[in-house]
Amino acid sequence: MFGINWPWPVLNAGVCWTTIRRRQGWEVQRNDITGHARIIDPNDIRRAWGSESEMIDYFDYIFRGTEKITNQEIHNRLDECIKNCRNRVDSKDLW
């Protein structure tokens, strides 16, 4: 399940969210209640959300085999992931 991915500011108080991946200021966080996940940029803007496995796959794709990449390349790779994602509504993936 991959939701509508508008950039959205997050309140990063750490309540209900656990960071499961971190690189160059970007994070994959898992919601401790629902189990869904999100990708957060260094400015605390949510860039993507969906199932934990999808967000980990996208994150690993974005940072594949590189020591450090530019923010523009990160955004390009994330956009590529989102464009290639199947848009399907399947509530069991989220809940």
PDB file of N, CA and C in Angstrom:
ATOM      1  N   MET A   1       0.853  -1.183   0.000  1.00  0.00           N
ATOM      2  CA  MET A   1       0.000   0.000   0.000  1.00  0.00           C
ATOM      3  C   MET A   1       0.880   1.221   0.000  1.00  0.00           C
ATOM      4  N   PHE A   2       0.630   2.111  -0.884  1.00  0.00           N
ATOM      5  CA  PHE A   2       1.384   3.344  -0.962  1.00  0.00           C
ATOM      6  C   PHE A   2       0.387   4.469  -1.060  1.00  0.00           C
ATOM      7  N   GLY A   3       0.417   5.387  -0.124  1.00  0.00           N
ATOM      8  CA  GLY A   3      -0.583   6.445  -0.065  1.00  0.00           C
ATOM      9  C   GLY A   3      -0.247   7.619  -0.962  1.00  0.00           C
ATOM     10  N   ILE A   4      -1.132   8.575  -0.957  1.00  0.00           N
ATOM     11  CA  ILE A   4      -0.879   9.820  -1.676  1.00  0.00           C
ATOM     12  C   ILE A   4       0.312  10.485  -1.007  1.00  0.00           C
ATOM     13  N   ASN A   5       1.277  10.868  -1.792  1.00  0.00           N
ATOM     14  CA  ASN A   5       2.527  11.351  -1.217  1.00  0.00           C
ATOM     15  C   ASN A   5       2.778  12.811  -1.507  1.00  0.00           C
ATOM     16  N   TRP A   6       2.028  13.633  -0.819  1.00  0.00           N
ATOM     17  CA  TRP A   6       2.303  15.060  -0.843  1.00  0.00           C
ATOM     18  C   TRP A   6       3.335  15.353   0.222  1.00  0.00           C
ATOM     19  N   PRO A   7       4.289  16.226  -0.082  1.00  0.00           N
ATOM     20  CA  PRO A   7       5.207  16.638   0.989  1.00  0.00           C
ATOM     21  C   PRO A   7       4.379  17.249   2.128  1.00  0.00           C
ATOM     22  N   TRP A   8       4.678  16.831   3.348  1.00  0.00           N
ATOM     23  CA  TRP A   8       3.867  17.274   4.476  1.00  0.00           C
ATOM     24  C   TRP A   8       4.755  17.416   5.706  1.00  0.00           C
ATOM     25  N   PRO A   9       4.733  18.582   6.361  1.00  0.00           N
ATOM     26  CA  PRO A   9       5.538  18.747   7.578  1.00  0.00           C
ATOM     27  C   PRO A   9       5.072  17.780   8.665  1.00  0.00           C
ATOM     28  N   VAL A  10       6.015  17.278   9.435  1.00  0.00           N
ATOM     29  CA  VAL A  10       5.677  16.369  10.530  1.00  0.00           C
ATOM     30  C   VAL A  10       6.125  16.983  11.853  1.00  0.00           C
ATOM     31  N   LEU A  11       5.410  16.634  12.880  1.00  0.00           N
ATOM     32  CA  LEU A  11       5.832  16.989  14.228  1.00  0.00           C
ATOM     33  C   LEU A  11       6.658  15.821  14.727  1.00  0.00           C
ATOM     34  N   ASN A  12       7.935  16.028  14.823  1.00  0.00           N
ATOM     35  CA  ASN A  12       8.831  14.923  15.140  1.00  0.00           C
ATOM     36  C   ASN A  12       9.144  14.864  16.622  1.00  0.00           C
ATOM     37  N   ALA A  13       8.107  14.687  17.419  1.00  0.00           N
ATOM     38  CA  ALA A  13       8.307  14.588  18.861  1.00  0.00           C
ATOM     39  C   ALA A  13       8.759  13.192  19.274  1.00  0.00           C
ATOM     40  N   GLY A  14       8.803  12.261  18.328  1.00  0.00           N
ATOM     41  CA  GLY A  14       9.230  10.908  18.633  1.00  0.00           C
ATOM     42  C   GLY A  14       8.146  10.059  19.269  1.00  0.00           C
ATOM     43  N   VAL A  15       6.957  10.606  19.415  1.00  0.00           N
ATOM     44  CA  VAL A  15       5.861   9.865  20.013  1.00  0.00           C
ATOM     45  C   VAL A  15       5.227   8.993  18.940  1.00  0.00           C
ATOM     46  N   CYS A  16       5.164   7.718  19.194  1.00  0.00           N
ATOM     47  CA  CYS A  16       4.538   6.726  18.301  1.00  0.00           C
ATOM     48  C   CYS A  16       5.350   6.410  17.054  1.00  0.00           C
ATOM     49  N   TRP A  17       6.526   6.963  16.883  1.00  0.00           N
ATOM     50  CA  TRP A  17       7.342   6.696  15.701  1.00  0.00           C
ATOM     51  C   TRP A  17       8.720   6.195  16.111  1.00  0.00           C
ATOM     52  N   THR A  18       9.170   5.135  15.442  1.00  0.00           N
ATOM     53  CA  THR A  18      10.495   4.577  15.683  1.00  0.00           C
ATOM     54  C   THR A  18      11.301   4.664  14.392  1.00  0.00           C
ATOM     55  N   THR A  19      12.490   5.228  14.469  1.00  0.00           N
ATOM     56  CA  THR A  19      13.367   5.300  13.300  1.00  0.00           C
ATOM     57  C   THR A  19      13.981   3.928  13.058  1.00  0.00           C
ATOM     58  N   ILE A  20      13.817   3.427  11.826  1.00  0.00           N
ATOM     59  CA  ILE A  20      14.347   2.103  11.496  1.00  0.00           C
ATOM     60  C   ILE A  20      15.478   2.156  10.470  1.00  0.00           C
ATOM     61  N   ARG A  21      15.630   3.283   9.784  1.00  0.00           N
ATOM     62  CA  ARG A  21      16.763   3.518   8.879  1.00  0.00           C
ATOM     63  C   ARG A  21      17.075   5.020   8.953  1.00  0.00           C
ATOM     64  N   ARG A  22      18.370   5.342   8.829  1.00  0.00           N
ATOM     65  CA  ARG A  22      18.773   6.749   8.808  1.00  0.00           C
ATOM     66  C   ARG A  22      20.021   6.877   7.952  1.00  0.00           C
ATOM     67  N   ARG A  23      20.010   7.878   7.074  1.00  0.00           N
ATOM     68  CA  ARG A  23      21.179   8.149   6.244  1.00  0.00           C
ATOM     69  C   ARG A  23      21.100   9.567   5.717  1.00  0.00           C
ATOM     70  N   GLN A  24      22.194  10.314   5.827  1.00  0.00           N
ATOM     71  CA  GLN A  24      22.302  11.686   5.328  1.00  0.00           C
ATOM     72  C   GLN A  24      21.149  12.560   5.813  1.00  0.00           C
ATOM     73  N   GLY A  25      20.664  12.319   7.006  1.00  0.00           N
ATOM     74  CA  GLY A  25      19.581  13.127   7.561  1.00  0.00           C
ATOM     75  C   GLY A  25      18.193  12.652   7.176  1.00  0.00           C
ATOM     76  N   TRP A  26      18.105  11.704   6.260  1.00  0.00           N
ATOM     77  CA  TRP A  26      16.827  11.118   5.858  1.00  0.00           C
ATOM     78  C   TRP A  26      16.523   9.928   6.763  1.00  0.00           C
ATOM     79  N   GLU A  27      15.247   9.663   7.008  1.00  0.00           N
ATOM     80  CA  GLU A  27      14.873   8.564   7.897  1.00  0.00           C
ATOM     81  C   GLU A  27      13.671   7.802   7.366  1.00  0.00           C
ATOM     82  N   VAL A  28      13.641   6.515   7.682  1.00  0.00           N
ATOM     83  CA  VAL A  28      12.418   5.723   7.566  1.00  0.00           C
ATOM     84  C   VAL A  28      11.941   5.539   8.999  1.00  0.00           C
ATOM     85  N   GLN A  29      10.695   5.908   9.244  1.00  0.00           N
ATOM     86  CA  GLN A  29      10.114   5.757  10.571  1.00  0.00           C
ATOM     87  C   GLN A  29       8.889   4.862  10.492  1.00  0.00           C
ATOM     88  N   ARG A  30       8.737   4.013  11.512  1.00  0.00           N
ATOM     89  CA  ARG A  30       7.586   3.120  11.602  1.00  0.00           C
ATOM     90  C   ARG A  30       6.657   3.622  12.698  1.00  0.00           C
ATOM     91  N   ASN A  31       5.350   3.650  12.393  1.00  0.00           N
ATOM     92  CA  ASN A  31       4.363   4.018  13.391  1.00  0.00           C
ATOM     93  C   ASN A  31       4.160   2.837  14.327  1.00  0.00           C
ATOM     94  N   ASP A  32       4.338   3.075  15.615  1.00  0.00           N
ATOM     95  CA  ASP A  32       4.258   2.004  16.603  1.00  0.00           C
ATOM     96  C   ASP A  32       2.843   1.493  16.813  1.00  0.00           C
ATOM     97  N   ILE A  33       1.854   2.228  16.381  1.00  0.00           N
ATOM     98  CA  ILE A  33       0.457   1.811  16.564  1.00  0.00           C
ATOM     99  C   ILE A  33      -0.064   1.089  15.321  1.00  0.00           C
ATOM    100  N   THR A  34       0.105   1.706  14.158  1.00  0.00           N
ATOM    101  CA  THR A  34      -0.460   1.140  12.925  1.00  0.00           C
ATOM    102  C   THR A  34       0.505   0.241  12.170  1.00  0.00           C
ATOM    103  N   GLY A  35       1.814   0.445  12.352  1.00  0.00           N
ATOM    104  CA  GLY A  35       2.810  -0.338  11.641  1.00  0.00           C
ATOM    105  C   GLY A  35       3.184   0.227  10.281  1.00  0.00           C
ATOM    106  N   HIS A  36       2.466   1.274   9.807  1.00  0.00           N
ATOM    107  CA  HIS A  36       2.862   1.841   8.514  1.00  0.00           C
ATOM    108  C   HIS A  36       4.131   2.672   8.704  1.00  0.00           C
ATOM    109  N   ALA A  37       4.722   3.082   7.608  1.00  0.00           N
ATOM    110  CA  ALA A  37       6.006   3.770   7.680  1.00  0.00           C
ATOM    111  C   ALA A  37       5.992   5.011   6.799  1.00  0.00           C
ATOM    112  N   ARG A  38       6.989   5.849   7.023  1.00  0.00           N
ATOM    113  CA  ARG A  38       7.125   7.073   6.232  1.00  0.00           C
ATOM    114  C   ARG A  38       8.597   7.373   6.036  1.00  0.00           C
ATOM    115  N   ILE A  39       8.881   8.116   4.960  1.00  0.00           N
ATOM    116  CA  ILE A  39      10.237   8.607   4.701  1.00  0.00           C
ATOM    117  C   ILE A  39      10.222  10.102   4.982  1.00  0.00           C
ATOM    118  N   ILE A  40      11.137  10.527   5.846  1.00  0.00           N
ATOM    119  CA  ILE A  40      11.236  11.915   6.282  1.00  0.00           C
ATOM    120  C   ILE A  40      12.548  12.501   5.784  1.00  0.00           C
ATOM    121  N   ASP A  41      12.497  13.726   5.241  1.00  0.00           N
ATOM    122  CA  ASP A  41      13.736  14.366   4.794  1.00  0.00           C
ATOM    123  C   ASP A  41      14.405  15.102   5.958  1.00  0.00           C
ATOM    124  N   PRO A  42      15.595  15.670   5.754  1.00  0.00           N
ATOM    125  CA  PRO A  42      16.308  16.338   6.852  1.00  0.00           C
ATOM    126  C   PRO A  42      15.576  17.548   7.431  1.00  0.00           C
ATOM    127  N   ASN A  43      14.582  18.072   6.713  1.00  0.00           N
ATOM    128  CA  ASN A  43      13.816  19.230   7.187  1.00  0.00           C
ATOM    129  C   ASN A  43      12.500  18.823   7.852  1.00  0.00           C
ATOM    130  N   ASP A  44      12.379  17.548   8.209  1.00  0.00           N
ATOM    131  CA  ASP A  44      11.161  17.004   8.833  1.00  0.00           C
ATOM    132  C   ASP A  44       9.932  17.162   7.946  1.00  0.00           C
ATOM    133  N   ILE A  45      10.126  16.904   6.655  1.00  0.00           N
ATOM    134  CA  ILE A  45       9.022  16.867   5.697  1.00  0.00           C
ATOM    135  C   ILE A  45       8.807  15.415   5.290  1.00  0.00           C
ATOM    136  N   ARG A  46       7.567  14.939   5.430  1.00  0.00           N
ATOM    137  CA  ARG A  46       7.261  13.575   4.979  1.00  0.00           C
ATOM    138  C   ARG A  46       7.254  13.581   3.458  1.00  0.00           C
ATOM    139  N   ARG A  47       8.060  12.723   2.867  1.00  0.00           N
ATOM    140  CA  ARG A  47       8.160  12.635   1.414  1.00  0.00           C
ATOM    141  C   ARG A  47       7.432  11.438   0.844  1.00  0.00           C
ATOM    142  N   ALA A  48       7.190  10.420   1.656  1.00  0.00           N
ATOM    143  CA  ALA A  48       6.478   9.230   1.193  1.00  0.00           C
ATOM    144  C   ALA A  48       5.954   8.486   2.409  1.00  0.00           C
ATOM    145  N   TRP A  49       4.881   7.710   2.192  1.00  0.00           N
ATOM    146  CA  TRP A  49       4.386   6.832   3.248  1.00  0.00           C
ATOM    147  C   TRP A  49       3.750   5.611   2.622  1.00  0.00           C
ATOM    148  N   GLY A  50       3.720   4.535   3.380  1.00  0.00           N
ATOM    149  CA  GLY A  50       3.148   3.280   2.907  1.00  0.00           C
ATOM    150  C   GLY A  50       3.495   2.172   3.873  1.00  0.00           C
ATOM    151  N   SER A  51       3.564   0.956   3.375  1.00  0.00           N
ATOM    152  CA  SER A  51       3.913  -0.170   4.244  1.00  0.00           C
ATOM    153  C   SER A  51       5.392  -0.076   4.623  1.00  0.00           C
ATOM    154  N   GLU A  52       5.733  -0.692   5.734  1.00  0.00           N
ATOM    155  CA  GLU A  52       7.117  -0.670   6.189  1.00  0.00           C
ATOM    156  C   GLU A  52       8.052  -1.283   5.144  1.00  0.00           C
ATOM    157  N   SER A  53       7.660  -2.406   4.575  1.00  0.00           N
ATOM    158  CA  SER A  53       8.538  -3.073   3.603  1.00  0.00           C
ATOM    159  C   SER A  53       8.752  -2.210   2.363  1.00  0.00           C
ATOM    160  N   GLU A  54       7.704  -1.529   1.889  1.00  0.00           N
ATOM    161  CA  GLU A  54       7.871  -0.649   0.724  1.00  0.00           C
ATOM    162  C   GLU A  54       8.804   0.510   1.038  1.00  0.00           C
ATOM    163  N   MET A  55       8.633   1.134   2.192  1.00  0.00           N
ATOM    164  CA  MET A  55       9.474   2.284   2.529  1.00  0.00           C
ATOM    165  C   MET A  55      10.930   1.868   2.709  1.00  0.00           C
ATOM    166  N   ILE A  56      11.174   0.698   3.288  1.00  0.00           N
ATOM    167  CA  ILE A  56      12.548   0.201   3.419  1.00  0.00           C
ATOM    168  C   ILE A  56      13.126  -0.090   2.039  1.00  0.00           C
ATOM    169  N   ASP A  57      12.335  -0.722   1.166  1.00  0.00           N
ATOM    170  CA  ASP A  57      12.799  -0.987  -0.206  1.00  0.00           C
ATOM    171  C   ASP A  57      13.145   0.308  -0.926  1.00  0.00           C
ATOM    172  N   TYR A  58      12.274   1.313  -0.829  1.00  0.00           N
ATOM    173  CA  TYR A  58      12.529   2.593  -1.497  1.00  0.00           C
ATOM    174  C   TYR A  58      13.764   3.266  -0.924  1.00  0.00           C
ATOM    175  N   PHE A  59      13.877   3.261   0.397  1.00  0.00           N
ATOM    176  CA  PHE A  59      15.021   3.888   1.051  1.00  0.00           C
ATOM    177  C   PHE A  59      16.320   3.210   0.629  1.00  0.00           C
ATOM    178  N   ASP A  60      16.312   1.878   0.636  1.00  0.00           N
ATOM    179  CA  ASP A  60      17.515   1.149   0.222  1.00  0.00           C
ATOM    180  C   ASP A  60      17.839   1.394  -1.246  1.00  0.00           C
ATOM    181  N   TYR A  61      16.808   1.552  -2.084  1.00  0.00           N
ATOM    182  CA  TYR A  61      17.032   1.873  -3.491  1.00  0.00           C
ATOM    183  C   TYR A  61      17.652   3.269  -3.626  1.00  0.00           C
ATOM    184  N   ILE A  62      17.121   4.219  -2.903  1.00  0.00           N
ATOM    185  CA  ILE A  62      17.612   5.598  -2.975  1.00  0.00           C
ATOM    186  C   ILE A  62      19.091   5.665  -2.608  1.00  0.00           C
ATOM    187  N   PHE A  63      19.480   4.966  -1.560  1.00  0.00           N
ATOM    188  CA  PHE A  63      20.854   5.058  -1.062  1.00  0.00           C
ATOM    189  C   PHE A  63      21.718   3.866  -1.466  1.00  0.00           C
ATOM    190  N   ARG A  64      21.341   3.198  -2.536  1.00  0.00           N
ATOM    191  CA  ARG A  64      22.065   2.007  -2.984  1.00  0.00           C
ATOM    192  C   ARG A  64      23.507   2.342  -3.380  1.00  0.00           C
ATOM    193  N   GLY A  65      24.417   1.566  -2.873  1.00  0.00           N
ATOM    194  CA  GLY A  65      25.804   1.584  -3.307  1.00  0.00           C
ATOM    195  C   GLY A  65      26.493   2.923  -3.360  1.00  0.00           C
ATOM    196  N   THR A  66      26.109   3.848  -2.528  1.00  0.00           N
ATOM    197  CA  THR A  66      26.743   5.157  -2.575  1.00  0.00           C
ATOM    198  C   THR A  66      27.197   5.574  -1.189  1.00  0.00           C
ATOM    199  N   GLU A  67      28.295   6.252  -1.147  1.00  0.00           N
ATOM    200  CA  GLU A  67      28.743   6.835   0.109  1.00  0.00           C
ATOM    201  C   GLU A  67      27.867   8.035   0.442  1.00  0.00           C
ATOM    202  N   LYS A  68      27.776   8.958  -0.492  1.00  0.00           N
ATOM    203  CA  LYS A  68      26.979  10.157  -0.282  1.00  0.00           C
ATOM    204  C   LYS A  68      26.468  10.622  -1.639  1.00  0.00           C
ATOM    205  N   ILE A  69      25.197  11.004  -1.682  1.00  0.00           N
ATOM    206  CA  ILE A  69      24.624  11.523  -2.926  1.00  0.00           C
ATOM    207  C   ILE A  69      23.983  12.875  -2.631  1.00  0.00           C
ATOM    208  N   THR A  70      23.763  13.644  -3.688  1.00  0.00           N
ATOM    209  CA  THR A  70      23.189  14.974  -3.515  1.00  0.00           C
ATOM    210  C   THR A  70      21.702  14.876  -3.166  1.00  0.00           C
ATOM    211  N   ASN A  71      21.192  15.934  -2.550  1.00  0.00           N
ATOM    212  CA  ASN A  71      19.764  15.976  -2.239  1.00  0.00           C
ATOM    213  C   ASN A  71      18.925  15.891  -3.506  1.00  0.00           C
ATOM    214  N   GLN A  72      19.382  16.489  -4.589  1.00  0.00           N
ATOM    215  CA  GLN A  72      18.628  16.415  -5.838  1.00  0.00           C
ATOM    216  C   GLN A  72      18.526  14.980  -6.331  1.00  0.00           C
ATOM    217  N   GLU A  73      19.627  14.232  -6.228  1.00  0.00           N
ATOM    218  CA  GLU A  73      19.599  12.826  -6.642  1.00  0.00           C
ATOM    219  C   GLU A  73      18.689  12.004  -5.729  1.00  0.00           C
ATOM    220  N   ILE A  74      18.680  12.318  -4.446  1.00  0.00           N
ATOM    221  CA  ILE A  74      17.774  11.632  -3.520  1.00  0.00           C
ATOM    222  C   ILE A  74      16.332  11.862  -3.957  1.00  0.00           C
ATOM    223  N   HIS A  75      15.979  13.117  -4.227  1.00  0.00           N
ATOM    224  CA  HIS A  75      14.618  13.444  -4.665  1.00  0.00           C
ATOM    225  C   HIS A  75      14.286  12.767  -5.992  1.00  0.00           C
ATOM    226  N   ASN A  76      15.235  12.744  -6.921  1.00  0.00           N
ATOM    227  CA  ASN A  76      15.006  12.085  -8.212  1.00  0.00           C
ATOM    228  C   ASN A  76      14.727  10.598  -8.028  1.00  0.00           C
ATOM    229  N   ARG A  77      15.503   9.940  -7.187  1.00  0.00           N
ATOM    230  CA  ARG A  77      15.306   8.506  -6.964  1.00  0.00           C
ATOM    231  C   ARG A  77      13.990   8.227  -6.250  1.00  0.00           C
ATOM    232  N   LEU A  78      13.628   9.079  -5.294  1.00  0.00           N
ATOM    233  CA  LEU A  78      12.350   8.897  -4.606  1.00  0.00           C
ATOM    234  C   LEU A  78      11.190   9.102  -5.573  1.00  0.00           C
ATOM    235  N   ASP A  79      11.270  10.129  -6.417  1.00  0.00           N
ATOM    236  CA  ASP A  79      10.229  10.349  -7.428  1.00  0.00           C
ATOM    237  C   ASP A  79      10.102   9.141  -8.352  1.00  0.00           C
ATOM    238  N   GLU A  80      11.231   8.554  -8.718  1.00  0.00           N
ATOM    239  CA  GLU A  80      11.222   7.358  -9.568  1.00  0.00           C
ATOM    240  C   GLU A  80      10.489   6.213  -8.876  1.00  0.00           C
ATOM    241  N   CYS A  81      10.761   6.026  -7.586  1.00  0.00           N
ATOM    242  CA  CYS A  81      10.070   4.972  -6.829  1.00  0.00           C
ATOM    243  C   CYS A  81       8.565   5.210  -6.823  1.00  0.00           C
ATOM    244  N   ILE A  82       8.171   6.441  -6.558  1.00  0.00           N
ATOM    245  CA  ILE A  82       6.747   6.768  -6.471  1.00  0.00           C
ATOM    246  C   ILE A  82       6.067   6.570  -7.818  1.00  0.00           C
ATOM    247  N   LYS A  83       6.703   7.003  -8.895  1.00  0.00           N
ATOM    248  CA  LYS A  83       6.114   6.860 -10.226  1.00  0.00           C
ATOM    249  C   LYS A  83       5.966   5.400 -10.626  1.00  0.00           C
ATOM    250  N   ASN A  84       6.887   4.557 -10.180  1.00  0.00           N
ATOM    251  CA  ASN A  84       6.841   3.147 -10.538  1.00  0.00           C
ATOM    252  C   ASN A  84       5.945   2.324  -9.626  1.00  0.00           C
ATOM    253  N   CYS A  85       5.457   2.945  -8.592  1.00  0.00           N
ATOM    254  CA  CYS A  85       4.621   2.240  -7.621  1.00  0.00           C
ATOM    255  C   CYS A  85       3.232   1.997  -8.187  1.00  0.00           C
ATOM    256  N   ARG A  86       2.681   0.818  -7.915  1.00  0.00           N
ATOM    257  CA  ARG A  86       1.291   0.549  -8.277  1.00  0.00           C
ATOM    258  C   ARG A  86       0.401   1.315  -7.310  1.00  0.00           C
ATOM    259  N   ASN A  87      -0.565   2.044  -7.830  1.00  0.00           N
ATOM    260  CA  ASN A  87      -1.533   2.718  -6.973  1.00  0.00           C
ATOM    261  C   ASN A  87      -2.691   1.768  -6.743  1.00  0.00           C
ATOM    262  N   ARG A  88      -2.722   1.198  -5.562  1.00  0.00           N
ATOM    263  CA  ARG A  88      -3.797   0.278  -5.229  1.00  0.00           C
ATOM    264  C   ARG A  88      -4.283   0.594  -3.823  1.00  0.00           C
ATOM    265  N   VAL A  89      -5.521   0.360  -3.621  1.00  0.00           N
ATOM    266  CA  VAL A  89      -6.107   0.584  -2.297  1.00  0.00           C
ATOM    267  C   VAL A  89      -6.315  -0.771  -1.672  1.00  0.00           C
ATOM    268  N   ASP A  90      -5.562  -1.015  -0.635  1.00  0.00           N
ATOM    269  CA  ASP A  90      -5.647  -2.295   0.056  1.00  0.00           C
ATOM    270  C   ASP A  90      -5.422  -2.009   1.537  1.00  0.00           C
ATOM    271  N   SER A  91      -6.494  -1.760   2.259  1.00  0.00           N
ATOM    272  CA  SER A  91      -6.391  -1.288   3.631  1.00  0.00           C
ATOM    273  C   SER A  91      -5.663  -2.268   4.542  1.00  0.00           C
ATOM    274  N   LYS A  92      -5.597  -3.538   4.206  1.00  0.00           N
ATOM    275  CA  LYS A  92      -4.907  -4.476   5.076  1.00  0.00           C
ATOM    276  C   LYS A  92      -3.406  -4.191   5.120  1.00  0.00           C
ATOM    277  N   ASP A  93      -2.851  -3.559   4.086  1.00  0.00           N
ATOM    278  CA  ASP A  93      -1.433  -3.217   4.116  1.00  0.00           C
ATOM    279  C   ASP A  93      -1.145  -2.112   5.132  1.00  0.00           C
ATOM    280  N   LEU A  94      -2.122  -1.230   5.343  1.00  0.00           N
ATOM    281  CA  LEU A  94      -1.927  -0.117   6.248  1.00  0.00           C
ATOM    282  C   LEU A  94      -2.286  -0.504   7.680  1.00  0.00           C
ATOM    283  N   TRP A  95      -3.351  -1.219   7.829  1.00  0.00           N
ATOM    284  CA  TRP A  95      -3.823  -1.538   9.190  1.00  0.00           C
ATOM    285  C   TRP A  95      -3.492  -2.950   9.481  1.00  0.00           C
TER     286      TRP A  95
END
